[in-house]
């Protein structure tokens, strides 16, 4: 396979597609991180049952 076989590829399309996928990944990662931070600071309704430990 020589380099001329790659001349037909639309590199701009693939570069834009890579940027789009990266934007989607970063957006999902930020959303997940924000949910985890929010869950960390939100008091959870824990019901303590049973005897005390001491």
Protein backbone atom coordinates (compact mmCIF):
# COMPACT_ATOMS: atom_id res chain seq x y z
CA UNK A 1 0.00 0.00 0.00
CA UNK A 2 1.45 3.33 -0.97
CA UNK A 3 0.76 6.83 0.27
CA UNK A 4 -1.34 7.74 -2.77
CA UNK A 5 -4.14 5.47 -1.51
CA UNK A 6 -4.67 7.90 1.36
CA UNK A 7 -5.15 10.91 -0.91
CA UNK A 8 -8.87 10.25 -1.20
CA UNK A 9 -9.53 10.51 2.52
CA UNK A 10 -11.35 13.59 3.67
CA UNK A 11 -9.08 14.55 6.54
CA UNK A 12 -11.13 17.59 7.49
CA UNK A 13 -14.16 15.37 8.06
CA UNK A 14 -12.26 13.02 10.33
CA UNK A 15 -10.61 15.85 12.24
CA UNK A 16 -13.99 17.49 12.85
CA UNK A 17 -15.45 14.11 13.87
CA UNK A 18 -12.62 13.63 16.36
CA UNK A 19 -13.23 17.09 17.81
CA UNK A 20 -16.95 16.32 18.10
CA UNK A 21 -16.31 13.01 19.86
CA UNK A 22 -13.87 14.70 22.21
CA UNK A 23 -16.41 17.42 23.02
CA UNK A 24 -19.03 14.78 23.78
CA UNK A 25 -16.60 12.84 25.98
CA UNK A 26 -15.50 15.92 27.91
CA UNK A 27 -19.12 17.02 28.37
CA UNK A 28 -20.07 13.58 29.73
CA UNK A 29 -17.04 13.52 32.03
CA UNK A 30 -17.81 17.00 33.41
CA UNK A 31 -21.46 16.07 33.94
CA UNK A 32 -20.51 12.88 35.76
CA UNK A 33 -17.98 14.75 37.90
CA UNK A 34 -20.54 17.43 38.78
CA UNK A 35 -23.06 14.77 39.81
CA UNK A 36 -20.46 13.06 42.00
CA UNK A 37 -19.52 16.34 43.68
CA UNK A 38 -23.18 17.18 44.21
CA UNK A 39 -23.83 13.73 45.68
CA UNK A 40 -20.83 14.13 47.98
CA UNK A 41 -22.16 17.36 49.47
CA UNK A 42 -25.81 16.30 49.61
CA UNK A 43 -26.71 14.75 52.96
CA UNK A 44 -28.05 11.27 52.44
CA UNK A 45 -31.08 10.20 54.46
CA UNK A 46 -29.50 7.47 56.52
CA UNK A 47 -31.59 5.58 58.99
CA UNK A 48 -29.47 4.21 61.78
CA UNK A 49 -31.01 1.15 63.31
CA UNK A 50 -29.80 -1.20 65.97
CA UNK A 51 -27.65 -0.64 69.02
CA UNK A 52 -24.97 1.97 69.38
CA UNK A 53 -21.42 0.79 68.80
CA UNK A 54 -20.30 1.80 72.29
